[in-house]
Structure formats: structure tokens, C-alpha cells
Protein backbone atom coordinates (compact mmCIF):
# COMPACT_ATOMS: atom_id res chain seq x y z
CA MET A 1 75.62 -38.39 -130.46
CA LEU A 2 75.84 -41.84 -128.93
CA ARG A 3 76.57 -40.39 -125.51
CA THR A 4 73.55 -38.04 -125.84
CA THR A 5 71.30 -41.01 -126.65
CA GLU A 6 72.67 -42.93 -123.67
CA ARG A 7 71.93 -40.00 -121.40
CA LEU A 8 68.41 -39.77 -122.85
CA ASP A 9 67.82 -43.48 -122.30
CA GLU A 10 69.05 -43.22 -118.72
CA GLY A 11 66.73 -40.30 -118.14
CA HIS A 12 63.78 -42.23 -119.51
CA VAL A 13 64.58 -45.17 -117.26
CA ARG A 14 64.84 -42.90 -114.23
CA LEU A 15 61.56 -41.19 -115.12
CA TYR A 16 59.85 -44.54 -115.67
CA ARG A 17 60.99 -45.82 -112.29
CA ARG A 18 59.85 -42.66 -110.55
CA CYS A 19 56.41 -42.76 -112.23
CA ASP A 20 56.03 -46.44 -111.47
CA TYR A 21 56.86 -45.83 -107.80
CA PHE A 22 54.35 -43.01 -107.39
CA LEU A 23 51.63 -44.89 -109.29
CA LYS A 24 52.07 -47.81 -106.90
CA LYS A 25 51.94 -45.41 -103.97
CA MET A 26 48.71 -43.82 -105.24
CA ARG A 27 47.18 -47.24 -105.82
CA SER A 28 48.12 -48.31 -102.29
CA ARG A 29 46.48 -45.22 -100.81
CA LEU A 30 43.28 -45.98 -102.71
CA ALA A 31 43.45 -49.55 -101.48
CA ALA A 32 43.96 -48.34 -97.92
CA GLY A 33 40.50 -46.81 -98.09
CA LEU A 34 39.10 -50.33 -98.19
CA THR A 35 41.15 -51.48 -95.21
CA ARG A 36 38.72 -50.56 -92.47
CA ALA A 37 35.74 -52.14 -94.21
CA THR A 38 37.75 -55.27 -94.90
CA GLY A 39 38.79 -55.36 -91.24
CA VAL A 40 35.15 -55.32 -90.19
CA VAL A 41 34.42 -58.22 -92.51
CA ALA A 42 37.44 -60.14 -91.17
CA THR A 43 36.23 -59.60 -87.61
CA ALA A 44 32.73 -60.80 -88.51
CA ILE A 45 34.15 -63.90 -90.16
CA ARG A 46 36.24 -64.65 -87.07
CA SER A 47 33.25 -64.17 -84.78
CA PHE A 48 31.17 -66.52 -86.95
CA ARG A 49 33.92 -69.13 -86.88
CA ARG A 50 34.22 -68.93 -83.11
CA ASP A 51 30.48 -69.12 -82.58
CA ALA A 52 30.16 -72.04 -84.98
CA ASP A 53 33.26 -73.70 -83.53
CA VAL A 54 34.72 -74.19 -87.00
CA GLY A 55 38.02 -76.11 -87.01
CA GLY A 56 41.26 -75.06 -88.60
CA GLY A 57 43.48 -74.23 -85.63
CA SER A 58 46.17 -71.61 -85.80
CA VAL A 59 46.50 -71.77 -89.58
CA CYS A 60 42.88 -70.73 -89.98
CA ARG A 61 43.35 -67.92 -87.47
CA GLU A 62 46.48 -66.63 -89.21
CA ALA A 63 44.67 -66.53 -92.53
CA THR A 64 41.82 -64.54 -91.00
CA ALA A 65 44.28 -62.28 -89.22
CA SER A 66 45.79 -61.09 -92.46
CA GLY A 67 42.38 -60.33 -93.93
CA ALA A 68 42.15 -56.80 -92.55
CA ASP A 69 45.07 -55.65 -94.68
CA GLU A 70 44.99 -58.05 -97.59
CA THR A 71 43.70 -55.40 -99.99
CA ALA A 72 46.68 -53.12 -99.33
CA ASP A 73 49.33 -53.03 -102.05
CA SER A 74 52.78 -54.26 -101.15
CA ALA A 75 54.11 -50.78 -101.94
CA ALA A 76 52.00 -49.21 -99.18
CA SER A 77 53.96 -47.68 -96.35
CA ARG A 78 52.72 -48.99 -93.02
CA ILE A 79 53.26 -48.53 -89.33
CA LEU A 80 54.73 -51.51 -87.49
CA PHE A 81 53.43 -51.78 -83.92
CA ILE A 82 55.53 -53.99 -81.63
CA SER A 83 54.01 -55.47 -78.48
CA HIS A 84 56.16 -57.43 -76.05
CA ASP A 85 53.34 -59.95 -75.60
CA ALA A 86 49.55 -60.33 -75.79
CA TRP A 87 48.63 -60.93 -72.16
CA ARG A 88 45.73 -59.04 -70.57
CA THR A 89 47.94 -56.50 -68.79
CA GLY A 90 48.23 -52.72 -69.00
CA ALA A 91 50.56 -52.08 -71.94
CA PRO A 92 49.02 -54.58 -74.40
CA MET A 93 45.54 -53.40 -73.42
CA VAL A 94 46.46 -49.77 -74.17
CA LEU A 95 47.90 -50.80 -77.54
CA LEU A 96 44.73 -52.74 -78.32
CA HIS A 97 42.58 -49.69 -77.47
CA LEU A 98 44.78 -47.51 -79.70
CA LEU A 99 44.71 -49.89 -82.67
CA ARG A 100 40.95 -50.27 -82.47
CA TRP A 101 40.60 -46.51 -82.58
CA LEU A 102 43.05 -46.17 -85.49
CA ARG A 103 41.23 -48.87 -87.44
CA ALA A 104 37.83 -47.25 -86.87
CA ASN A 105 38.80 -43.61 -87.31
CA THR A 106 41.79 -43.33 -89.66
CA ASP A 107 43.20 -44.76 -92.87
CA ILE A 108 46.62 -45.37 -91.30
CA PRO A 109 47.70 -48.85 -92.47
CA PHE A 110 49.48 -50.94 -89.88
CA GLU A 111 50.53 -54.39 -88.87
CA ILE A 112 51.46 -55.91 -85.53
CA LEU A 113 54.57 -57.74 -84.39
CA LEU A 114 54.44 -59.72 -81.14
CA LYS A 115 57.78 -60.31 -79.46
CA ASP A 116 56.07 -63.12 -77.55
CA GLY A 117 53.03 -64.59 -79.28
CA ASN A 118 51.40 -65.86 -76.09
CA GLY A 119 48.46 -64.21 -74.33
CA GLN A 120 44.68 -63.88 -74.20
CA LEU A 121 44.67 -60.80 -76.45
CA ARG A 122 46.30 -62.38 -79.49
CA HIS A 123 42.97 -63.07 -81.21
CA ASP A 124 41.91 -59.47 -80.53
CA PHE A 125 45.05 -58.20 -82.25
CA GLU A 126 44.43 -60.58 -85.16
CA ASP A 127 40.95 -59.10 -85.59
CA LEU A 128 42.57 -55.75 -86.37
CA GLY A 129 45.34 -56.60 -88.81
CA SER A 130 48.18 -58.83 -89.84
CA VAL A 131 49.97 -60.29 -86.80
CA SER A 132 53.48 -61.77 -86.88
CA VAL A 133 55.43 -63.38 -84.08
CA TRP A 134 59.05 -62.37 -83.77
CA ASN A 135 61.98 -64.53 -84.67
CA SER A 136 65.49 -63.70 -85.89
CA GLY A 137 65.97 -62.21 -89.34
CA GLY A 138 64.72 -58.70 -88.76
CA LYS A 139 66.16 -57.06 -91.86
CA GLU A 140 64.50 -59.67 -94.04
CA PHE A 141 61.26 -59.00 -92.13
CA LEU A 142 61.31 -55.32 -93.10
CA GLN A 143 62.54 -55.94 -96.63
CA GLU A 144 59.31 -57.81 -97.27
CA ARG A 145 57.32 -54.76 -96.18
CA ARG A 146 57.37 -51.01 -96.69
CA ILE A 147 57.52 -49.75 -93.08
CA SER A 148 57.66 -45.99 -92.57
CA LEU A 149 57.61 -46.04 -88.74
CA ILE A 150 58.08 -48.51 -85.90
CA TYR A 151 55.97 -47.96 -82.77
CA SER A 152 57.48 -49.89 -79.86
CA ASN A 153 54.89 -50.36 -77.14
CA THR A 154 57.05 -50.62 -73.98
CA ILE A 155 60.72 -50.02 -73.33
CA THR A 156 61.56 -53.75 -73.39
CA ASN A 157 61.85 -54.28 -77.17
CA GLY A 158 65.42 -53.12 -77.78
CA ASP A 159 66.64 -56.54 -78.90
CA VAL A 160 63.98 -56.60 -81.62
CA LEU A 161 64.68 -53.04 -82.75
CA ASP A 162 68.39 -53.79 -82.97
CA GLN A 163 67.71 -56.26 -85.77
CA LEU A 164 65.39 -54.02 -87.79
CA ASP A 165 66.30 -51.40 -90.38
CA PRO A 166 68.26 -48.63 -88.57
CA ALA A 167 66.95 -46.03 -91.04
CA CYS A 168 63.35 -46.58 -89.93
CA PRO A 169 62.35 -44.11 -87.18
CA VAL A 170 61.07 -45.45 -83.85
CA ILE A 171 58.58 -44.07 -81.33
CA CYS A 172 58.70 -45.80 -77.95
CA HIS A 173 55.61 -45.79 -75.71
CA VAL A 174 57.01 -46.12 -72.19
CA HIS A 175 54.75 -47.82 -69.61
CA GLU A 176 57.56 -48.49 -67.12
CA LEU A 177 59.12 -46.73 -64.13
CA ASP A 178 62.58 -46.78 -62.60
CA TYR A 179 62.43 -49.98 -60.54
CA TRP A 180 61.17 -52.07 -63.44
CA ILE A 181 63.63 -50.51 -65.89
CA ARG A 182 66.63 -51.02 -63.59
CA HIS A 183 65.82 -54.53 -62.43
CA ARG A 184 63.69 -56.16 -65.13
CA VAL A 185 64.96 -54.74 -68.45
CA ASN A 186 68.16 -56.16 -69.95
CA PRO A 187 70.72 -53.28 -69.96
CA ASP A 188 71.89 -54.21 -73.47
CA HIS A 189 68.31 -54.15 -74.75
CA LEU A 190 67.77 -50.76 -73.10
CA ARG A 191 70.87 -49.34 -74.83
CA GLN A 192 69.71 -50.77 -78.14
CA LEU A 193 66.30 -49.15 -77.70
CA GLN A 194 67.73 -45.76 -76.81
CA LYS A 195 70.05 -45.90 -79.80
CA ARG A 196 67.12 -46.45 -82.16
CA THR A 197 64.35 -44.32 -80.65
CA ARG A 198 63.61 -40.88 -82.08
CA HIS A 199 60.74 -39.96 -79.75
CA TYR A 200 59.10 -41.20 -76.56
CA VAL A 201 55.53 -41.25 -75.27
CA ALA A 202 55.47 -41.34 -71.45
CA VAL A 203 52.27 -42.48 -69.76
CA SER A 204 52.67 -40.00 -66.90
CA HIS A 205 54.81 -37.08 -65.77
CA ALA A 206 56.37 -39.48 -63.26
CA VAL A 207 57.59 -41.63 -66.16
CA LYS A 208 58.91 -38.59 -68.01
CA ARG A 209 60.85 -37.45 -64.94
CA SER A 210 62.32 -40.94 -64.62
CA LEU A 211 63.39 -41.02 -68.28
CA VAL A 212 65.06 -37.61 -68.00
CA ALA A 213 66.76 -38.17 -64.64
CA ASN A 214 67.75 -41.82 -64.96
CA GLN A 215 68.08 -42.46 -68.70
CA GLY A 216 69.33 -39.09 -69.89
CA ILE A 217 66.51 -38.59 -72.41
CA ALA A 218 66.05 -34.99 -73.53
CA PRO A 219 62.73 -33.57 -72.26
CA ALA A 220 61.95 -32.23 -75.74
CA ASN A 221 61.92 -35.79 -77.06
CA ILE A 222 59.19 -36.94 -74.66
CA ASP A 223 55.44 -36.34 -74.89
CA VAL A 224 53.30 -37.14 -71.86
CA ILE A 225 50.07 -38.83 -72.91
CA HIS A 226 48.30 -40.41 -69.97
CA GLU A 227 46.89 -43.92 -70.27
CA PHE A 228 43.35 -44.26 -71.58
CA ILE A 229 40.40 -46.64 -71.70
CA PRO A 230 37.12 -46.96 -73.63
CA VAL A 231 34.74 -45.38 -71.15
CA ASP A 232 31.64 -46.78 -72.86
CA GLU A 233 32.67 -50.26 -71.70
CA ALA A 234 32.19 -49.25 -68.04
CA SER A 235 28.80 -50.83 -67.53
CA CYS A 236 27.31 -53.71 -65.61
CA ASP A 237 23.70 -54.70 -65.06
CA GLU A 238 22.26 -55.36 -61.63
CA VAL A 239 21.92 -59.08 -62.30
CA GLN A 240 25.67 -59.49 -62.85
CA ALA A 241 26.53 -57.43 -59.78
CA HIS A 242 24.09 -59.42 -57.64
CA ARG A 243 25.59 -62.67 -58.92
CA VAL A 244 29.11 -61.59 -57.94
CA ARG A 245 27.99 -60.52 -54.47
CA ALA A 246 26.30 -63.88 -54.01
CA GLU A 247 29.38 -65.79 -55.20
CA LEU A 248 31.54 -63.94 -52.68
CA GLY A 249 29.03 -64.48 -49.90
CA LEU A 250 28.71 -60.76 -49.18
CA PRO A 251 25.96 -59.63 -46.80
CA PRO A 252 23.41 -57.19 -48.26
CA ASP A 253 24.90 -54.26 -46.35
CA ALA A 254 28.55 -55.08 -47.18
CA LEU A 255 30.96 -52.24 -47.90
CA VAL A 256 33.52 -53.34 -50.49
CA VAL A 257 37.08 -52.05 -50.82
CA GLY A 258 38.44 -53.07 -54.21
CA GLY A 259 41.96 -53.81 -55.39
CA CYS A 260 43.19 -55.07 -58.75
CA GLY A 261 46.36 -56.24 -60.44
CA THR A 262 48.83 -59.05 -60.68
CA THR A 263 49.88 -60.56 -57.36
CA ASP A 264 53.51 -59.43 -57.56
CA TRP A 265 55.67 -57.22 -55.36
CA ARG A 266 55.02 -54.00 -57.30
CA LYS A 267 51.22 -54.30 -57.20
CA ALA A 268 51.53 -55.14 -53.48
CA PRO A 269 48.66 -57.48 -52.58
CA ASP A 270 50.51 -57.99 -49.28
CA LEU A 271 49.81 -54.34 -48.45
CA PHE A 272 46.17 -54.87 -49.39
CA ILE A 273 46.01 -57.57 -46.72
CA GLN A 274 47.64 -55.22 -44.21
CA LEU A 275 45.11 -52.54 -45.14
CA ALA A 276 42.24 -54.93 -44.45
CA GLY A 277 43.68 -55.80 -41.04
CA THR A 278 44.22 -52.15 -40.13
CA VAL A 279 40.70 -51.11 -41.14
CA ARG A 280 39.17 -53.94 -39.12
CA ARG A 281 41.33 -53.15 -36.09
CA ARG A 282 40.54 -49.42 -36.18
CA ARG A 283 36.81 -49.80 -36.75
CA ALA A 284 35.77 -53.04 -35.10
CA GLU A 285 32.11 -52.00 -35.16
CA LEU A 286 32.09 -52.55 -38.93
CA GLY A 287 32.23 -56.24 -38.13
CA ASN A 288 31.72 -58.34 -41.22
CA ARG A 289 30.37 -55.42 -43.25
CA ALA A 290 33.80 -54.41 -44.62
CA HIS A 291 35.08 -56.74 -47.33
CA PHE A 292 38.25 -56.50 -49.42
CA VAL A 293 38.13 -57.93 -52.95
CA TRP A 294 41.24 -58.28 -55.14
CA VAL A 295 40.73 -58.94 -58.87
CA GLY A 296 43.57 -60.32 -60.99
CA GLY A 297 46.72 -62.33 -60.58
CA GLU A 298 47.00 -65.76 -59.01
CA ASN A 299 44.56 -67.26 -56.56
CA GLN A 300 46.28 -70.62 -56.24
CA GLY A 301 49.82 -72.04 -56.24
CA PRO A 302 52.83 -71.48 -53.96
CA ASN A 303 53.15 -67.71 -54.54
CA PHE A 304 49.52 -67.14 -53.73
CA GLY A 305 49.86 -69.56 -50.84
CA ALA A 306 52.26 -67.14 -49.17
CA LEU A 307 49.64 -64.38 -49.39
CA TRP A 308 46.83 -66.58 -48.10
CA HIS A 309 49.07 -67.66 -45.23
CA ASP A 310 49.07 -64.02 -44.07
CA VAL A 311 45.31 -63.74 -44.57
CA GLU A 312 44.57 -66.76 -42.40
CA LEU A 313 47.04 -65.91 -39.60
CA SER A 314 45.67 -62.36 -39.51
CA GLY A 315 42.13 -63.66 -39.00
CA LEU A 316 40.92 -62.11 -42.26
CA ALA A 317 39.78 -65.14 -44.23
CA ASP A 318 36.14 -64.13 -43.75
CA CYS A 319 36.57 -60.70 -45.36
CA VAL A 320 39.48 -60.85 -47.86
CA HIS A 321 38.76 -62.33 -51.30
CA PHE A 322 41.23 -63.02 -54.13
CA VAL A 323 39.15 -63.87 -57.21
CA GLY A 324 41.94 -64.27 -59.76
CA THR A 325 42.00 -63.05 -63.36
CA GLN A 326 38.56 -62.32 -64.79
CA ALA A 327 37.78 -62.11 -68.51
CA ASN A 328 35.08 -59.59 -67.58
CA PRO A 329 36.06 -57.70 -64.40
CA SER A 330 33.24 -55.14 -64.76
CA PRO A 331 30.82 -56.80 -62.26
CA TYR A 332 33.57 -56.67 -59.63
CA PHE A 333 34.33 -52.99 -60.24
CA ALA A 334 30.60 -52.34 -60.06
CA ILE A 335 30.30 -53.74 -56.51
CA PHE A 336 33.29 -51.77 -55.17
CA ASP A 337 32.51 -48.84 -52.91
CA LEU A 338 36.03 -47.45 -53.36
CA PHE A 339 39.32 -48.48 -54.95
CA ALA A 340 42.50 -48.92 -52.91
CA LEU A 341 45.56 -48.61 -55.14
CA VAL A 342 48.29 -50.09 -52.95
CA SER A 343 50.97 -50.39 -55.66
CA ARG A 344 54.57 -49.72 -54.70
CA GLU A 345 55.30 -48.70 -58.29
CA ASP A 346 52.72 -48.11 -61.02
CA PRO A 347 53.31 -45.70 -63.92
CA PHE A 348 49.62 -44.89 -64.55
CA PRO A 349 47.43 -47.92 -63.85
CA LEU A 350 44.54 -48.74 -66.13
CA VAL A 351 42.72 -50.41 -63.23
CA MET A 352 42.57 -47.02 -61.50
CA LEU A 353 40.86 -45.53 -64.56
CA GLU A 354 38.53 -48.51 -64.84
CA ALA A 355 37.47 -48.22 -61.20
CA ALA A 356 37.01 -44.46 -61.56
CA SER A 357 34.90 -44.96 -64.71
CA PHE A 358 32.46 -46.85 -62.48
CA GLY A 359 32.28 -43.85 -60.16
CA LYS A 360 34.60 -45.21 -57.46
CA PRO A 361 36.91 -42.84 -55.55
CA VAL A 362 40.58 -43.85 -55.43
CA VAL A 363 43.03 -43.91 -52.51
CA CYS A 364 46.71 -44.21 -53.51
CA PHE A 365 50.27 -43.67 -52.29
CA ASP A 366 52.28 -40.56 -53.07
CA GLY A 367 55.56 -41.31 -54.85
CA ALA A 368 54.40 -44.65 -56.28
CA GLY A 369 53.99 -43.42 -59.85
CA GLY A 370 51.45 -41.46 -61.84
CA ALA A 371 48.27 -42.16 -59.83
CA LYS A 372 48.65 -38.88 -57.94
CA GLU A 373 48.37 -37.04 -61.26
CA PHE A 374 44.88 -38.45 -61.70
CA VAL A 375 43.55 -38.50 -58.16
CA GLY A 376 44.61 -34.96 -57.24
CA GLU A 377 42.34 -33.41 -54.64
CA ASP A 378 38.98 -34.22 -56.18
CA ALA A 379 38.90 -37.93 -57.14
CA GLY A 380 39.95 -39.54 -53.87
CA PHE A 381 42.91 -39.25 -51.53
CA VAL A 382 46.71 -39.42 -51.81
CA VAL A 383 48.55 -40.60 -48.69
CA PRO A 384 52.29 -40.85 -47.86
CA TYR A 385 54.19 -43.69 -49.47
CA LEU A 386 53.45 -47.08 -47.86
CA ASP A 387 51.65 -45.44 -44.92
CA ILE A 388 49.00 -48.09 -44.30
CA GLU A 389 47.64 -46.29 -41.25
CA ALA A 390 47.03 -43.14 -43.29
CA MET A 391 45.43 -45.12 -46.11
CA ALA A 392 43.19 -46.95 -43.63
CA ALA A 393 42.07 -43.61 -42.19
CA LYS A 394 41.00 -42.36 -45.65
CA VAL A 395 39.30 -45.65 -46.44
CA LEU A 396 37.31 -45.34 -43.22
CA ASP A 397 36.40 -41.74 -44.04
CA LEU A 398 34.99 -42.90 -47.37
CA LEU A 399 33.20 -45.94 -45.96
CA GLY A 400 31.67 -43.76 -43.27
CA SER A 401 30.23 -41.10 -45.56
CA ASP A 402 27.95 -41.90 -48.50
CA GLU A 403 28.01 -38.23 -49.54
CA LEU A 404 31.83 -38.02 -49.66
CA ARG A 405 32.17 -41.34 -51.40
CA HIS A 406 29.58 -40.54 -54.07
CA ARG A 407 30.85 -36.99 -54.66
CA LEU A 408 34.49 -38.00 -55.15
CA GLY A 409 33.43 -41.01 -57.20
CA ALA A 410 31.35 -38.87 -59.54
CA GLN A 411 34.28 -36.48 -59.99
CA ALA A 412 36.59 -39.41 -60.70
CA ARG A 413 34.20 -40.68 -63.37
CA GLU A 414 34.02 -37.25 -64.99
CA LYS A 415 37.83 -36.98 -65.03
CA VAL A 416 38.10 -40.24 -66.92
CA ARG A 417 35.47 -39.17 -69.41
CA ARG A 418 37.09 -35.79 -70.06
CA HIS A 419 40.77 -36.70 -70.08
CA HIS A 420 41.31 -40.46 -70.34
CA GLU A 421 38.82 -41.67 -72.92
CA VAL A 422 40.40 -43.36 -75.97
CA ALA A 423 38.86 -40.74 -78.26
CA VAL A 424 40.65 -38.00 -76.31
CA ALA A 425 44.15 -39.50 -76.15
CA ALA A 426 44.42 -41.57 -79.34
CA PRO A 427 44.30 -38.57 -81.73
CA ARG A 428 47.40 -37.16 -80.03
CA ILE A 429 49.27 -40.40 -80.66
CA ALA A 430 47.96 -40.52 -84.23
CA ALA A 431 49.34 -37.01 -84.81
CA LEU A 432 52.79 -38.12 -83.60
CA ILE A 433 52.64 -41.18 -85.83
CA GLN A 434 51.70 -39.13 -88.88
CA ARG A 435 54.43 -36.60 -88.15
CA PHE A 436 57.28 -39.11 -87.94
CA ALA A 437 55.88 -41.44 -90.59
CA GLY A 438 55.50 -38.48 -92.92
CA GLU A 439 59.16 -37.56 -92.50
CA SER A 440 60.11 -41.17 -93.19
CA GLU A 441 57.92 -41.38 -96.30
CA ARG A 442 59.49 -38.22 -97.71
CA ARG A 443 62.91 -39.77 -97.16
CA MET A 444 61.84 -42.94 -98.96
CA ASP A 445 60.33 -40.87 -101.79
CA ARG A 446 63.64 -39.04 -102.29
CA GLN A 447 65.42 -42.37 -102.56
CA HIS A 448 63.18 -43.24 -105.53
CA VAL A 449 63.66 -39.92 -107.33
């Protein structure tokens, strides 16, 4: 009789725990419905504080950052998004676009972990949810939260993943190609990432081929989802465009070849300078009408000095312009007549999509990454790898024909709108997240039964 009572008591305890768990889960889901509205309020508060220049420093910002999710119950299962940093470069920008869409269009609760807390986009991430900066003690980090899925944005976060709960599934969004992976990613971190990752999102077919051929990833474990941008941000009024042309000293009839990116070896600003020299040499009658404007990267210091040395000795100082990083690059894209993508390696550059969204045709190199997948035969031209003469010829074709330039530019704009708008790509990522997070939640539920 005593043993029967003990069994009954144990059963009641087990039932109580199970009911308590599911009641907390239901409460957290109801609370999640308030998350988006609370996030809007948090963003408005932050904007007011910035406009009013209210003090408080980083402590004030951290408090505001957590506001978007402060209504969520601690039992809520969330997605943990990991960004390697918060600088205004491709991968963090894509993650920011994705999180904004998730916040506005879904009830998926999430928080953000920055491996490196530096960068211009940190405040933008804080507007969307709770932001933490990585330090050691990963298991304790997850124990304080109910994380059903980790979304690693870039292939460089293996050292962080290695310290987090090995039972939590990982999706890795790969924005890198072979050169960067081989020479810039720590091999130990890469092994740690591969050990933990259940599924991969590749930003182009070129990236998928690289992962299969060079990293041994099974093709079935990789989804190709091309990079994306918010197309509605591609706008610039005439006043801004006129101001930029005046600042650069461009003549009224100037034809502008645009380039954009950091000023490193992969993005190849040195080839942009060579392109300018080749175009001028082959079509001298253009005179000072042809100008070459590079947005992004350094425009001072010793590394930039090496580039400008080439510009001056090539006699191009009157037509080549490096304007540095711009918080709002739209007026520069607006004045381009075409976009020259001279990258040696670029998985699927956002700057290409941004230029195309302004109706600019793109000229790129074959074999340099995923740009060919976008440009095709109707949004610009693809030329042999590092063939500056061939690229110059296509640039001159475009500069010499308003009809060709406008037709290919319009088709490039339409491609972005149809295939690379956030609202087109983000739902595919959301479906992957829900699939793997759902499997994880069911596993966690069984552990509480």
C-alpha cells in the first residue's frame, strides 16, 4: 500500500511539472504576441533619446535594447542570432535586413549575440531586440535562456559555437568563398563550426559549390538563398544627387562609372584604377567626361596612399574619386551610369544589388563569385576573370549607348525587385528557422514529459 502511494505521489509530481511547463510555454507564446509592438515602442524611445540628446551612455542603450523582448517569459524558446560584428559590411547588413523583417512580419522571438560588439550597426541591432556581446562562459549564457536554435551569420563563429550547448541545432549562413575561408578563417574554428552545424544557407551557387568541393558538406544540407536588400530604400532626390556631383566637381555632361566596397585586395580598387586608365586610353575623345567614383573603404592613411600613388602616376587624379565610407551611399549610386564590379572574390555582393536597384547595369568578372548568377545576359555583362581590357570594352559600349545602358539597367532593377527583395528571400529563411527550431522544441518538450 505504501509503495502504491509513493508511485501515486511520484505520478502527481511528474504531472504537475509537465502542466507547469506547458502553462509557462503557453504564457510565453501569448507574451510573444506583444513583442513586435513593444519593439516599435522601444525604437521610438531610442529615436526620441537620440534626437533629444539624452545622456546615459551605454547603460541607457543596453536598457533600451532589451525593451523589445522584455515582455517575453523566461520560458519562451527563442532563436539566437550570432553576428561576428556590427560593422556596415555585407553579412551584418543582411542579418539586419532579415531581423527587421522577422520583427515586422512574424512572432518568432529572438535575441542577438555579437562576437565583436564594435560597429556602426550596433544601435540598429539594439532597436530590434536584446543584444549581448560575447565573452567566455557559453554554457552559462544558454542556461539563462531557452534557446531552440542558433543562427550563425557567417562561417567565422566556430569558437563561439564550441562553447554553447551542443544539443542546440545550428544553421550557418555562409557569406564567404574559398579564398577567405582558407586564408582568413582559423582552421580550428572552421572545424568547430562544421561539427556543430546541422544546415547551411549559401548566398550563391558559387558558395554552395565551394562548400561541397572544399569543405565536404553534403549538398542536401545546403540551401542557396541569394543575398537580398530592401528595394524601397533605393531612392534619392535630385537635390542630393546634384549636391554629390557638385562636391565631386563633375561637369554637367559627366559619365560616371561606379565602384563600391572596402579598399582591400578582394574588392580590388587597384583594378578599378586600371579600368579607369584603360577606358581613358581607349577612348581619349571622352576627355574629362568619364569619371570613376569608388564608395566605401579608406580614403586616407598608408594603405590608401598606395592606391592614390597609382592614381597620380597614371595621370588619373582628375577623374578617379575615392569618397570613403558613406552613411547614406544612395546619392552616389544615383549618379552612377553603370556599376563596375571589379572584385577578385565576392560571394554575392550587396553593392551590386544596390546599384541595380537604382537601374544601373553591372559589369563583372566571371569566376569571381556569385555576381554572374545575377547579371546573366540581361542585367549587364560578364567578362573573363581579371580581363581589364574586356571590361573596359563593355564599359565603353555602355557609356556610348544610352539605349543599351537604360535597357540593361531597367532589367537589372526588375531582377532585384522580383528575386532579391527582403520580402522575397526572408520567408524562405524563416521557414528553415521554424523547421529546425520546431524539431528542437519538440525535443525539449519530451525532456519535460
